[in-house]
Protein backbone atom coordinates (compact mmCIF):
# COMPACT_ATOMS: atom_id res chain seq x y z
CA MET A 1 -13.75 -5.28 2.01
CA ARG A 2 -12.94 -6.49 5.41
CA LYS A 3 -10.78 -5.17 7.49
CA LYS A 4 -7.65 -7.20 6.47
CA ILE A 5 -7.81 -5.73 3.46
CA ILE A 6 -7.27 -2.00 4.53
CA VAL A 7 -4.55 -3.16 6.72
CA ALA A 8 -2.69 -5.27 4.54
CA ALA A 9 -2.73 -2.23 1.79
CA ALA A 10 -1.70 -0.43 4.47
CA CYS A 11 1.25 -2.68 5.18
CA ALA A 12 1.47 -3.24 1.27
CA GLY A 13 1.52 0.84 1.32
CA LEU A 14 4.29 1.39 3.47
CA ALA A 15 6.80 -1.17 2.06
CA ALA A 16 6.27 0.48 -1.32
CA VAL A 17 7.09 3.94 0.06
CA SER A 18 9.98 2.66 1.81
CA ALA A 19 11.23 0.78 -1.72
CA ALA A 20 10.32 3.78 -2.97
CA ALA A 21 12.91 5.39 -0.72
CA CYS A 22 15.96 3.51 -1.91
CA SER A 23 17.03 4.64 -4.33
CA SER A 24 20.14 4.00 -6.42
CA SER A 25 21.78 7.53 -6.04
CA ASP A 26 22.84 9.21 -2.35
CA GLY A 27 19.10 11.22 -1.52
CA GLY A 28 16.28 12.65 -2.51
CA ALA A 29 12.31 12.73 -3.05
CA GLU A 30 10.73 9.22 -4.24
CA THR A 31 7.58 8.29 -5.07
CA PHE A 32 5.47 4.78 -5.09
CA ALA A 33 2.47 3.64 -6.24
CA GLY A 34 0.65 0.57 -7.53
CA THR A 35 -3.00 -0.30 -8.08
CA SER A 36 -4.54 -3.44 -7.94
CA THR A 37 -7.94 -4.54 -9.18
CA SER A 38 -7.52 -8.27 -8.29
CA LEU A 39 -10.45 -9.35 -5.04
CA THR A 40 -8.54 -12.66 -4.92
CA SER A 41 -4.47 -11.86 -4.86
CA ASP A 42 -2.89 -10.33 -1.93
CA THR A 43 -0.26 -9.24 -3.91
CA VAL A 44 0.27 -5.91 -5.66
CA HIS A 45 2.50 -4.65 -8.39
CA VAL A 46 4.48 -1.23 -7.52
CA HIS A 47 6.29 1.65 -9.80
CA ALA A 48 8.81 3.75 -7.75
CA THR A 49 9.76 7.39 -9.22
CA GLY A 50 12.35 10.01 -7.85
CA VAL A 51 15.23 8.89 -7.19
CA LEU A 52 14.70 5.41 -7.28
CA ASN A 53 13.33 3.71 -10.93
CA ASP A 54 12.06 0.26 -10.48
CA HIS A 55 9.15 -2.34 -9.72
CA GLY A 56 8.33 -5.18 -8.70
CA THR A 57 5.54 -6.34 -5.54
CA ILE A 58 4.63 -5.96 -2.55
CA ASP A 59 2.78 -8.53 -0.50
CA LEU A 60 -0.32 -7.31 1.40
CA ALA A 61 -1.08 -10.15 3.16
CA GLY A 62 -0.94 -10.12 7.22
CA ASN A 63 -1.27 -7.47 10.27
CA SER A 64 2.36 -6.84 10.88
CA ASP A 65 4.24 -3.46 11.28
CA LYS A 66 6.56 -5.02 8.94
CA GLY A 67 6.70 -4.96 5.17
CA THR A 68 9.30 -6.11 2.77
CA PHE A 69 8.85 -4.70 -0.88
CA VAL A 70 10.67 -6.92 -3.60
CA LEU A 71 12.39 -4.96 -6.56
CA ASN A 72 14.41 -6.37 -9.32
CA GLN A 73 17.15 -4.53 -8.04
CA GLY A 74 16.66 -5.66 -4.13
CA ASP A 75 14.20 -5.67 -1.15
CA VAL A 76 13.56 -2.86 1.33
CA ASP A 77 12.39 -3.07 4.45
CA VAL A 78 10.14 -0.35 5.99
CA VAL A 79 7.99 -0.59 9.62
CA HIS A 80 4.92 1.54 9.50
CA SER A 81 1.83 2.92 11.78
CA LYS A 82 -1.07 1.04 11.95
CA GLY A 83 -2.66 4.21 9.97
CA LEU A 84 -6.09 5.85 10.62
CA ASN A 85 -8.90 4.37 8.89
CA THR A 86 -12.11 5.77 7.43
CA GLN A 87 -14.93 4.37 5.49
CA HIS A 88 -17.57 5.45 3.65
CA LEU A 89 -20.75 3.52 2.04
CA ASP A 90 -23.31 5.82 -1.09
CA ALA A 91 -25.89 4.01 -0.34
CA ALA A 92 -27.56 5.33 -3.73
CA THR A 93 -24.65 3.34 -5.85
CA CYS A 94 -23.37 0.57 -3.11
CA VAL A 95 -19.54 2.08 -3.50
CA ALA A 96 -17.68 1.01 -0.38
CA GLU A 97 -14.72 3.29 -0.26
CA MET A 98 -12.16 2.89 3.14
CA THR A 99 -9.27 4.76 3.54
CA THR A 100 -5.88 4.24 5.44
CA ALA A 101 -3.23 7.08 6.45
CA GLY A 102 0.07 6.78 8.12
CA THR A 103 3.77 7.12 8.61
CA TYR A 104 6.68 5.01 7.27
CA THR A 105 10.26 4.43 8.37
CA VAL A 106 12.54 2.77 5.73
CA ILE A 107 15.00 0.47 8.09
CA GLY A 108 17.29 -1.41 5.24
CA GLY A 109 17.01 -3.39 2.46
CA THR A 110 18.68 -5.91 0.01
CA ARG A 111 21.30 -5.71 -2.62
CA ALA A 112 21.33 -2.24 -4.61
CA TYR A 113 19.16 -1.32 -1.52
CA LYS A 114 21.51 -2.02 1.58
CA GLY A 115 21.70 0.34 3.65
CA ALA A 116 18.69 2.78 2.37
CA ARG A 117 17.06 4.80 5.08
CA GLY A 118 13.72 6.83 4.55
CA HIS A 119 10.58 8.19 6.10
CA GLY A 120 7.18 9.49 5.21
CA ASP A 121 3.76 9.62 5.13
CA PHE A 122 1.30 6.43 2.46
CA LYS A 123 -2.28 6.80 2.21
CA ILE A 124 -4.27 3.71 0.71
CA VAL A 125 -7.52 3.34 -0.67
CA PHE A 126 -9.69 0.67 -1.78
CA SER A 127 -13.07 1.20 -3.10
CA GLY A 128 -15.96 -1.54 -4.09
CA THR A 129 -18.74 -2.41 -5.36
CA MET A 130 -20.63 -3.97 -2.95
CA PRO A 131 -23.92 -6.28 -4.05
CA ARG A 132 -27.71 -5.45 -3.70
CA VAL A 133 -29.89 -7.75 -1.32
CA ASN A 134 -33.46 -6.55 -1.10
CA GLY A 135 -32.97 -3.27 -2.33
CA THR A 136 -30.03 -2.25 0.38
CA CYS A 137 -26.37 -2.58 -0.04
CA ALA A 138 -24.63 -5.12 1.77
CA ASN A 139 -22.58 -4.32 4.87
CA PRO A 140 -18.80 -3.74 3.64
CA ASN A 141 -17.65 -5.25 7.18
CA THR A 142 -19.01 -8.34 6.59
CA THR A 143 -19.40 -9.03 3.06
CA GLN A 144 -16.87 -9.49 -0.26
CA PRO A 145 -18.03 -7.12 -2.78
CA VAL A 146 -18.27 -7.46 -6.49
CA SER A 147 -15.49 -5.14 -7.69
CA GLY A 148 -13.04 -3.50 -6.63
CA ARG A 149 -9.71 -1.14 -7.03
CA LEU A 150 -7.17 -1.16 -4.32
CA ALA A 151 -4.85 2.03 -4.67
CA PHE A 152 -1.79 3.12 -2.79
CA HIS A 153 0.18 6.19 -3.03
CA ALA A 154 3.31 6.77 -0.85
CA ASP A 155 6.50 9.38 -0.47
CA GLY A 156 8.87 11.36 1.34
CA PRO A 157 13.37 11.35 1.54
CA LEU A 158 15.34 8.54 1.20
CA THR A 159 19.25 7.88 1.51
CA MET A 160 21.17 5.04 0.78
CA GLY A 161 23.65 4.01 3.22
């Protein structure tokens, strides 16, 4: 559970949220959500519901404040805050949880989502089981978890053009 995972998750969540904000109608509320259990891939499959009804992927790699959500009907571009990060390790179960919460702004898109504008809040949670070393949980900042799950949720208003 490296910091890269959280930063990337934040970027992805924002991108996903912004994509959700981009809908084929004039505007309204949008929710975007996705999960991944891969510890080796930075790509997450996402679903948007509300004004937008679409699905696609987001690449969470990197530490930029910009992201692109790639949906079947077009791309959505967003900028997002770095977010507020919290971390907790349960010493009894060795489950570590890292949460990032922040805000995003939809700055445009392509094809069906050209002219999309919106904003909202996102929350990204990575939880992973850390290995035990000599009876103690390994440090989540320096050790890869043996299993994990990344989940994000974002919502806010979205308008088209």
